[in-house]
C-alpha atoms as a PDB file:
ATOM      1  CA  UNK A   1     109.980  23.820  26.435  1.00  0.00           C
ATOM      2  CA  UNK A   2     112.302  25.874  28.455  1.00  0.00           C
ATOM      3  CA  UNK A   3     115.613  24.839  29.709  1.00  0.00           C
ATOM      4  CA  UNK A   4     117.941  26.758  31.966  1.00  0.00           C
ATOM      5  CA  UNK A   5     121.595  26.138  31.754  1.00  0.00           C
ATOM      6  CA  UNK A   6     124.437  27.855  33.780  1.00  0.00           C
ATOM      7  CA  UNK A   7     126.432  30.356  31.806  1.00  0.00           C
ATOM      8  CA  UNK A   8     130.064  29.543  31.452  1.00  0.00           C
ATOM      9  CA  UNK A   9     129.489  25.795  31.688  1.00  0.00           C
ATOM     10  CA  UNK A  10     129.012  22.721  29.527  1.00  0.00           C
ATOM     11  CA  UNK A  11     126.126  20.305  30.095  1.00  0.00           C
ATOM     12  CA  UNK A  12     125.957  16.986  28.287  1.00  0.00           C
ATOM     13  CA  UNK A  13     122.737  15.074  27.420  1.00  0.00           C
ATOM     14  CA  UNK A  14     122.721  11.498  28.465  1.00  0.00           C
ATOM     15  CA  UNK A  15     120.216   8.632  27.916  1.00  0.00           C
ATOM     16  CA  UNK A  16     118.785   6.980  24.854  1.00  0.00           C
ATOM     17  CA  UNK A  17     120.166   8.463  21.652  1.00  0.00           C
ATOM     18  CA  UNK A  18     116.636   8.760  20.202  1.00  0.00           C
ATOM     19  CA  UNK A  19     115.259  10.670  23.170  1.00  0.00           C
ATOM     20  CA  UNK A  20     118.451  13.027  23.289  1.00  0.00           C
ATOM     21  CA  UNK A  21     117.730  13.695  19.539  1.00  0.00           C
ATOM     22  CA  UNK A  22     114.096  14.503  20.236  1.00  0.00           C
ATOM     23  CA  UNK A  23     114.927  17.112  22.867  1.00  0.00           C
ATOM     24  CA  UNK A  24     117.451  18.711  20.783  1.00  0.00           C
ATOM     25  CA  UNK A  25     114.857  19.020  18.142  1.00  0.00           C
ATOM     26  CA  UNK A  26     112.390  20.596  20.525  1.00  0.00           C
ATOM     27  CA  UNK A  27     114.711  23.347  21.670  1.00  0.00           C
ATOM     28  CA  UNK A  28     114.023  26.578  19.901  1.00  0.00           C
ATOM     29  CA  UNK A  29     117.085  28.483  18.618  1.00  0.00           C
ATOM     30  CA  UNK A  30     115.161  31.693  18.533  1.00  0.00           C
ATOM     31  CA  UNK A  31     113.974  31.995  22.119  1.00  0.00           C
ATOM     32  CA  UNK A  32     117.118  32.145  24.304  1.00  0.00           C
ATOM     33  CA  UNK A  33     117.089  34.259  27.275  1.00  0.00           C
ATOM     34  CA  UNK A  34     119.996  35.425  29.462  1.00  0.00           C
ATOM     35  CA  UNK A  35     119.999  35.562  33.284  1.00  0.00           C
ATOM     36  CA  UNK A  36     118.680  39.086  33.014  1.00  0.00           C
ATOM     37  CA  UNK A  37     115.733  37.993  31.139  1.00  0.00           C
ATOM     38  CA  UNK A  38     116.735  39.679  27.959  1.00  0.00           C
ATOM     39  CA  UNK A  39     116.998  37.858  24.734  1.00  0.00           C
ATOM     40  CA  UNK A  40     120.213  35.963  23.995  1.00  0.00           C
ATOM     41  CA  UNK A  41     121.671  34.678  20.722  1.00  0.00           C
ATOM     42  CA  UNK A  42     121.328  30.878  20.513  1.00  0.00           C
ATOM     43  CA  UNK A  43     123.593  29.083  18.103  1.00  0.00           C
ATOM     44  CA  UNK A  44     122.996  25.581  16.947  1.00  0.00           C
ATOM     45  CA  UNK A  45     126.230  23.996  15.875  1.00  0.00           C
ATOM     46  CA  UNK A  46     126.087  20.805  13.912  1.00  0.00           C
ATOM     47  CA  UNK A  47     127.986  19.010  11.145  1.00  0.00           C
ATOM     48  CA  UNK A  48     127.493  16.480   8.590  1.00  0.00           C
ATOM     49  CA  UNK A  49     129.479  13.149   8.795  1.00  0.00           C
ATOM     50  CA  UNK A  50     131.490  14.084   5.829  1.00  0.00           C
ATOM     51  CA  UNK A  51     132.698  17.357   7.214  1.00  0.00           C
ATOM     52  CA  UNK A  52     136.289  17.506   8.219  1.00  0.00           C
ATOM     53  CA  UNK A  53     137.839  18.572  11.401  1.00  0.00           C
ATOM     54  CA  UNK A  54     138.831  22.008  10.070  1.00  0.00           C
ATOM     55  CA  UNK A  55     135.176  22.684   9.046  1.00  0.00           C
ATOM     56  CA  UNK A  56     133.949  21.858  12.423  1.00  0.00           C
ATOM     57  CA  UNK A  57     136.617  24.026  14.289  1.00  0.00           C
ATOM     58  CA  UNK A  58     135.586  26.986  11.946  1.00  0.00           C
ATOM     59  CA  UNK A  59     131.870  26.155  13.028  1.00  0.00           C
ATOM     60  CA  UNK A  60     132.841  26.434  16.796  1.00  0.00           C
ATOM     61  CA  UNK A  61     135.034  29.497  16.171  1.00  0.00           C
ATOM     62  CA  UNK A  62     131.758  31.345  15.014  1.00  0.00           C
ATOM     63  CA  UNK A  63     130.493  30.897  18.614  1.00  0.00           C
ATOM     64  CA  UNK A  64     133.581  32.526  19.968  1.00  0.00           C
ATOM     65  CA  UNK A  65     133.737  35.384  17.404  1.00  0.00           C
ATOM     66  CA  UNK A  66     130.254  36.485  17.496  1.00  0.00           C
ATOM     67  CA  UNK A  67     127.807  37.425  20.323  1.00  0.00           C
ATOM     68  CA  UNK A  68     126.548  34.150  21.709  1.00  0.00           C
ATOM     69  CA  UNK A  69     124.534  33.327  24.832  1.00  0.00           C
ATOM     70  CA  UNK A  70     123.969  29.626  24.370  1.00  0.00           C
ATOM     71  CA  UNK A  71     125.352  26.986  22.141  1.00  0.00           C
ATOM     72  CA  UNK A  72     123.444  23.823  21.234  1.00  0.00           C
ATOM     73  CA  UNK A  73     126.195  21.522  19.989  1.00  0.00           C
ATOM     74  CA  UNK A  74     124.080  18.971  18.093  1.00  0.00           C
ATOM     75  CA  UNK A  75     126.192  15.825  17.366  1.00  0.00           C
ATOM     76  CA  UNK A  76     129.022  18.043  16.244  1.00  0.00           C
ATOM     77  CA  UNK A  77     131.695  15.310  16.453  1.00  0.00           C
ATOM     78  CA  UNK A  78     129.730  12.685  14.572  1.00  0.00           C
ATOM     79  CA  UNK A  79     132.160  10.839  12.187  1.00  0.00           C
ATOM     80  CA  UNK A  80     135.302  12.009  13.768  1.00  0.00           C
ATOM     81  CA  UNK A  81     137.987   9.817  15.233  1.00  0.00           C
ATOM     82  CA  UNK A  82     138.843  10.041  18.973  1.00  0.00           C
ATOM     83  CA  UNK A  83     141.558  12.567  18.367  1.00  0.00           C
ATOM     84  CA  UNK A  84     139.145  14.813  16.344  1.00  0.00           C
ATOM     85  CA  UNK A  85     136.452  14.463  18.970  1.00  0.00           C
ATOM     86  CA  UNK A  86     138.786  15.801  21.513  1.00  0.00           C
ATOM     87  CA  UNK A  87     139.826  18.777  19.526  1.00  0.00           C
ATOM     88  CA  UNK A  88     136.213  19.898  18.810  1.00  0.00           C
ATOM     89  CA  UNK A  89     135.053  19.246  22.373  1.00  0.00           C
ATOM     90  CA  UNK A  90     138.107  21.072  23.811  1.00  0.00           C
ATOM     91  CA  UNK A  91     137.084  24.035  21.668  1.00  0.00           C
ATOM     92  CA  UNK A  92     133.629  23.918  23.080  1.00  0.00           C
ATOM     93  CA  UNK A  93     135.410  24.139  26.528  1.00  0.00           C
ATOM     94  CA  UNK A  94     136.889  27.460  25.346  1.00  0.00           C
ATOM     95  CA  UNK A  95     133.511  28.751  24.199  1.00  0.00           C
ATOM     96  CA  UNK A  96     132.053  27.963  27.661  1.00  0.00           C
ATOM     97  CA  UNK A  97     135.015  29.610  29.265  1.00  0.00           C
ATOM     98  CA  UNK A  98     133.910  32.964  27.620  1.00  0.00           C
ATOM     99  CA  UNK A  99     130.602  32.852  29.567  1.00  0.00           C
ATOM    100  CA  UNK A 100     128.495  30.937  27.170  1.00  0.00           C
ATOM    101  CA  UNK A 101     126.090  28.174  28.222  1.00  0.00           C
ATOM    102  CA  UNK A 102     126.839  24.960  26.163  1.00  0.00           C
ATOM    103  CA  UNK A 103     124.505  22.009  25.695  1.00  0.00           C
ATOM    104  CA  UNK A 104     126.121  18.975  24.100  1.00  0.00           C
ATOM    105  CA  UNK A 105     124.412  15.960  22.483  1.00  0.00           C
ATOM    106  CA  UNK A 106     127.259  13.980  21.172  1.00  0.00           C
ATOM    107  CA  UNK A 107     127.430  10.491  19.423  1.00  0.00           C
ATOM    108  CA  UNK A 108     130.014   9.703  22.119  1.00  0.00           C
ATOM    109  CA  UNK A 109     128.612  11.061  25.469  1.00  0.00           C
ATOM    110  CA  UNK A 110     131.493   9.391  27.433  1.00  0.00           C
ATOM    111  CA  UNK A 111     133.966  11.721  25.477  1.00  0.00           C
ATOM    112  CA  UNK A 112     131.771  14.695  26.042  1.00  0.00           C
ATOM    113  CA  UNK A 113     131.537  14.121  29.789  1.00  0.00           C
ATOM    114  CA  UNK A 114     135.348  14.492  29.961  1.00  0.00           C
ATOM    115  CA  UNK A 115     134.847  18.359  29.289  1.00  0.00           C
ATOM    116  CA  UNK A 116     131.398  18.709  30.917  1.00  0.00           C
ATOM    117  CA  UNK A 117     130.524  20.668  34.210  1.00  0.00           C
ATOM    118  CA  UNK A 118     127.287  18.651  34.570  1.00  0.00           C
ATOM    119  CA  UNK A 119     124.764  16.371  32.722  1.00  0.00           C
ATOM    120  CA  UNK A 120     121.043  16.009  32.062  1.00  0.00           C
ATOM    121  CA  UNK A 121     119.648  12.491  31.596  1.00  0.00           C
ATOM    122  CA  UNK A 122     116.666  12.153  29.143  1.00  0.00           C
ATOM    123  CA  UNK A 123     114.552   9.125  29.881  1.00  0.00           C
ATOM    124  CA  UNK A 124     112.455   6.999  27.467  1.00  0.00           C
ATOM    125  CA  UNK A 125     109.410   9.222  28.028  1.00  0.00           C
ATOM    126  CA  UNK A 126     111.381  12.515  27.419  1.00  0.00           C
ATOM    127  CA  UNK A 127     111.632  13.438  31.084  1.00  0.00           C
ATOM    128  CA  UNK A 128     114.794  15.377  31.907  1.00  0.00           C
ATOM    129  CA  UNK A 129     116.659  14.834  35.176  1.00  0.00           C
ATOM    130  CA  UNK A 130     119.972  16.635  36.481  1.00  0.00           C
ATOM    131  CA  UNK A 131     122.688  14.168  36.998  1.00  0.00           C
ATOM    132  CA  UNK A 132     126.024  15.274  38.486  1.00  0.00           C
ATOM    133  CA  UNK A 133     125.506  19.071  37.816  1.00  0.00           C
ATOM    134  CA  UNK A 134     127.810  21.401  39.593  1.00  0.00           C
ATOM    135  CA  UNK A 135     125.403  24.276  39.266  1.00  0.00           C
ATOM    136  CA  UNK A 136     121.779  23.515  39.021  1.00  0.00           C
ATOM    137  CA  UNK A 137     120.490  23.041  35.473  1.00  0.00           C
ATOM    138  CA  UNK A 138     116.737  22.465  35.421  1.00  0.00           C
ATOM    139  CA  UNK A 139     113.661  22.845  33.390  1.00  0.00           C
ATOM    140  CA  UNK A 140     112.046  26.186  34.034  1.00  0.00           C
ATOM    141  CA  UNK A 141     108.515  26.340  34.998  1.00  0.00           C
END
């Protein structure tokens, strides 16, 4: 599967949780490409429910401190309270501001939408549809 996301933006996945999970699992961390067609480093950021806020913030910091073309934020706020979710999602906004494309699948998509530039809706059959996207994010043919 090939998915194009605008650099410097955050795109949030919406739709049934199971279908969002399947989509994230289908994305290949090793095959990112920049707009120039060259390979780009893709970082999948995730956390265990037991991980604390500080651990998750360090995880996000790696995407800011090391060369990164795309971030797949895979349920990174799972288990955090609302304040912790805002901190982690705010840190992802800083990552995007550095020119990185960020795709977020969050246990609280409403909270993630607060920092998003756009959204993709995954339907029950695994189809992906742009929704409220400021720059076109689309499936590449």
